[in-house]
């Protein structure tokens, strides 16, 4: 069984954040912000102001977790692909297609939208 966890794109601050908790009753999400001095702090944001992305259960060749919306470069296929939900990666590849491949997370659709062109 894979670990269930999320990260979120904060639409207000235009930044990727770790998700500490989700309160579906209040429609809010608790996010972690890292300050320039290295300290962290948590804050709540309305769910309408974030895009939640689920960890898909894979790590790249450097041990980085792969989340929905991540842009991957697959060295075996020689192409960029976008991770998404429902066990699919980009062009309909299944996660199992990548389990033995050499690939790395090279960005995500929010912070690096230029990497999506041509996919």
C-alpha atoms as a PDB file:
ATOM      1  CA  UNK A   1       0.000   0.000   0.000  1.00  0.00           C
ATOM      2  CA  UNK A   2       1.424   3.358  -0.989  1.00  0.00           C
ATOM      3  CA  UNK A   3       1.714   6.405   1.190  1.00  0.00           C
ATOM      4  CA  UNK A   4      -1.092   8.947   0.707  1.00  0.00           C
ATOM      5  CA  UNK A   5       0.122  12.539   0.779  1.00  0.00           C
ATOM      6  CA  UNK A   6      -0.339  15.789  -1.046  1.00  0.00           C
ATOM      7  CA  UNK A   7       1.369  19.009  -1.948  1.00  0.00           C
ATOM      8  CA  UNK A   8      -0.421  22.143  -3.118  1.00  0.00           C
ATOM      9  CA  UNK A   9       0.021  25.043  -5.490  1.00  0.00           C
ATOM     10  CA  UNK A  10      -0.970  28.139  -3.523  1.00  0.00           C
ATOM     11  CA  UNK A  11      -2.782  30.299  -6.093  1.00  0.00           C
ATOM     12  CA  UNK A  12      -2.536  33.380  -3.852  1.00  0.00           C
ATOM     13  CA  UNK A  13       1.234  33.277  -3.232  1.00  0.00           C
ATOM     14  CA  UNK A  14       1.964  31.431  -6.486  1.00  0.00           C
ATOM     15  CA  UNK A  15       4.165  28.939  -4.680  1.00  0.00           C
ATOM     16  CA  UNK A  16       4.363  25.181  -4.130  1.00  0.00           C
ATOM     17  CA  UNK A  17       3.684  24.148  -0.529  1.00  0.00           C
ATOM     18  CA  UNK A  18       3.704  20.968   1.533  1.00  0.00           C
ATOM     19  CA  UNK A  19       0.272  19.963   2.834  1.00  0.00           C
ATOM     20  CA  UNK A  20       0.054  19.307   6.571  1.00  0.00           C
ATOM     21  CA  UNK A  21      -3.664  18.618   6.693  1.00  0.00           C
ATOM     22  CA  UNK A  22      -6.953  18.991   4.886  1.00  0.00           C
ATOM     23  CA  UNK A  23     -10.234  19.922   6.579  1.00  0.00           C
ATOM     24  CA  UNK A  24     -12.997  19.001   4.154  1.00  0.00           C
ATOM     25  CA  UNK A  25     -15.628  20.176   6.662  1.00  0.00           C
ATOM     26  CA  UNK A  26     -14.281  23.737   6.518  1.00  0.00           C
ATOM     27  CA  UNK A  27     -12.933  23.425   2.950  1.00  0.00           C
ATOM     28  CA  UNK A  28      -9.467  24.481   4.078  1.00  0.00           C
ATOM     29  CA  UNK A  29      -5.956  23.126   3.773  1.00  0.00           C
ATOM     30  CA  UNK A  30      -3.055  23.595   6.183  1.00  0.00           C
ATOM     31  CA  UNK A  31       0.141  24.466   4.286  1.00  0.00           C
ATOM     32  CA  UNK A  32       3.787  24.778   5.272  1.00  0.00           C
ATOM     33  CA  UNK A  33       5.826  27.763   4.151  1.00  0.00           C
ATOM     34  CA  UNK A  34       9.625  27.866   4.296  1.00  0.00           C
ATOM     35  CA  UNK A  35      10.983  31.358   4.962  1.00  0.00           C
ATOM     36  CA  UNK A  36      14.295  32.689   3.558  1.00  0.00           C
ATOM     37  CA  UNK A  37      15.967  32.141   6.952  1.00  0.00           C
ATOM     38  CA  UNK A  38      15.091  28.415   6.766  1.00  0.00           C
ATOM     39  CA  UNK A  39      12.376  28.533   9.412  1.00  0.00           C
ATOM     40  CA  UNK A  40       8.949  27.131   8.622  1.00  0.00           C
ATOM     41  CA  UNK A  41       5.431  28.166   9.465  1.00  0.00           C
ATOM     42  CA  UNK A  42       1.981  26.800   8.793  1.00  0.00           C
ATOM     43  CA  UNK A  43      -1.070  28.644   7.534  1.00  0.00           C
ATOM     44  CA  UNK A  44      -4.581  27.790   6.389  1.00  0.00           C
ATOM     45  CA  UNK A  45      -5.871  28.461   2.897  1.00  0.00           C
ATOM     46  CA  UNK A  46      -9.349  27.927   1.456  1.00  0.00           C
ATOM     47  CA  UNK A  47      -9.446  24.906  -0.872  1.00  0.00           C
ATOM     48  CA  UNK A  48     -10.627  27.147  -3.719  1.00  0.00           C
ATOM     49  CA  UNK A  49      -7.257  28.954  -3.539  1.00  0.00           C
ATOM     50  CA  UNK A  50      -5.056  25.872  -3.938  1.00  0.00           C
ATOM     51  CA  UNK A  51      -4.530  23.057  -6.410  1.00  0.00           C
ATOM     52  CA  UNK A  52      -3.986  19.778  -4.571  1.00  0.00           C
ATOM     53  CA  UNK A  53      -1.588  17.281  -6.144  1.00  0.00           C
ATOM     54  CA  UNK A  54      -1.320  13.720  -4.894  1.00  0.00           C
ATOM     55  CA  UNK A  55       1.903  11.743  -4.523  1.00  0.00           C
ATOM     56  CA  UNK A  56       1.642   8.997  -7.162  1.00  0.00           C
ATOM     57  CA  UNK A  57       3.803   6.477  -5.317  1.00  0.00           C
ATOM     58  CA  UNK A  58       6.954   6.707  -7.457  1.00  0.00           C
ATOM     59  CA  UNK A  59      10.352   8.277  -6.899  1.00  0.00           C
ATOM     60  CA  UNK A  60      12.718   9.376  -9.632  1.00  0.00           C
ATOM     61  CA  UNK A  61      16.270   8.101 -10.050  1.00  0.00           C
ATOM     62  CA  UNK A  62      17.468  10.633  -7.429  1.00  0.00           C
ATOM     63  CA  UNK A  63      14.852   9.707  -4.833  1.00  0.00           C
ATOM     64  CA  UNK A  64      12.554  12.688  -5.487  1.00  0.00           C
ATOM     65  CA  UNK A  65       8.869  11.917  -4.971  1.00  0.00           C
ATOM     66  CA  UNK A  66       6.648  12.244  -8.036  1.00  0.00           C
ATOM     67  CA  UNK A  67       3.395  14.196  -7.660  1.00  0.00           C
ATOM     68  CA  UNK A  68       0.587  14.936 -10.080  1.00  0.00           C
ATOM     69  CA  UNK A  69       1.638  17.835 -12.254  1.00  0.00           C
ATOM     70  CA  UNK A  70       5.336  16.966 -12.170  1.00  0.00           C
ATOM     71  CA  UNK A  71       7.184  17.075 -15.455  1.00  0.00           C
ATOM     72  CA  UNK A  72       9.434  14.060 -15.879  1.00  0.00           C
ATOM     73  CA  UNK A  73      12.197  13.334 -18.320  1.00  0.00           C
ATOM     74  CA  UNK A  74      12.344   9.648 -19.135  1.00  0.00           C
ATOM     75  CA  UNK A  75      15.805   8.659 -20.358  1.00  0.00           C
ATOM     76  CA  UNK A  76      14.581   5.290 -21.671  1.00  0.00           C
ATOM     77  CA  UNK A  77      11.808   6.837 -23.792  1.00  0.00           C
ATOM     78  CA  UNK A  78      13.832  10.006 -24.490  1.00  0.00           C
ATOM     79  CA  UNK A  79      10.906  12.328 -23.824  1.00  0.00           C
ATOM     80  CA  UNK A  80       9.225  14.622 -21.314  1.00  0.00           C
ATOM     81  CA  UNK A  81       5.986  13.454 -19.737  1.00  0.00           C
ATOM     82  CA  UNK A  82       3.566  14.914 -17.190  1.00  0.00           C
ATOM     83  CA  UNK A  83       2.488  12.865 -14.177  1.00  0.00           C
ATOM     84  CA  UNK A  84      -1.233  12.724 -13.567  1.00  0.00           C
ATOM     85  CA  UNK A  85      -3.873  10.872 -11.573  1.00  0.00           C
ATOM     86  CA  UNK A  86      -5.426   7.440 -12.120  1.00  0.00           C
ATOM     87  CA  UNK A  87      -2.193   5.503 -12.613  1.00  0.00           C
ATOM     88  CA  UNK A  88      -1.396   7.277 -15.887  1.00  0.00           C
ATOM     89  CA  UNK A  89       1.681   9.252 -16.843  1.00  0.00           C
ATOM     90  CA  UNK A  90       1.531  11.641 -19.771  1.00  0.00           C
ATOM     91  CA  UNK A  91       0.873   9.864 -23.033  1.00  0.00           C
ATOM     92  CA  UNK A  92      -1.169   7.117 -21.384  1.00  0.00           C
ATOM     93  CA  UNK A  93       1.877   5.368 -19.968  1.00  0.00           C
ATOM     94  CA  UNK A  94       1.084   3.548 -16.762  1.00  0.00           C
ATOM     95  CA  UNK A  95       3.144   4.044 -13.631  1.00  0.00           C
ATOM     96  CA  UNK A  96       4.257   0.439 -14.001  1.00  0.00           C
ATOM     97  CA  UNK A  97       5.849   1.446 -17.328  1.00  0.00           C
ATOM     98  CA  UNK A  98       8.174   3.768 -15.402  1.00  0.00           C
ATOM     99  CA  UNK A  99       9.020   1.606 -12.407  1.00  0.00           C
ATOM    100  CA  UNK A 100      12.175   0.249 -14.045  1.00  0.00           C
ATOM    101  CA  UNK A 101      13.005   3.275 -16.202  1.00  0.00           C
ATOM    102  CA  UNK A 102      15.593   5.965 -15.578  1.00  0.00           C
ATOM    103  CA  UNK A 103      13.659   9.210 -15.191  1.00  0.00           C
ATOM    104  CA  UNK A 104      13.888  12.401 -13.198  1.00  0.00           C
ATOM    105  CA  UNK A 105      11.567  15.156 -12.070  1.00  0.00           C
ATOM    106  CA  UNK A 106      12.624  18.252 -14.028  1.00  0.00           C
ATOM    107  CA  UNK A 107       9.863  20.610 -12.907  1.00  0.00           C
ATOM    108  CA  UNK A 108       6.122  20.968 -12.565  1.00  0.00           C
ATOM    109  CA  UNK A 109       3.300  22.496 -14.570  1.00  0.00           C
ATOM    110  CA  UNK A 110       2.957  25.532 -12.286  1.00  0.00           C
ATOM    111  CA  UNK A 111       6.556  26.614 -11.708  1.00  0.00           C
ATOM    112  CA  UNK A 112       7.913  25.502 -15.098  1.00  0.00           C
ATOM    113  CA  UNK A 113       5.048  25.804 -17.642  1.00  0.00           C
ATOM    114  CA  UNK A 114       7.521  26.295 -20.502  1.00  0.00           C
ATOM    115  CA  UNK A 115       8.583  22.645 -20.094  1.00  0.00           C
ATOM    116  CA  UNK A 116       5.064  21.494 -21.007  1.00  0.00           C
ATOM    117  CA  UNK A 117       5.149  22.970 -24.512  1.00  0.00           C
ATOM    118  CA  UNK A 118       5.712  20.285 -27.079  1.00  0.00           C
ATOM    119  CA  UNK A 119       4.459  17.460 -24.868  1.00  0.00           C
END
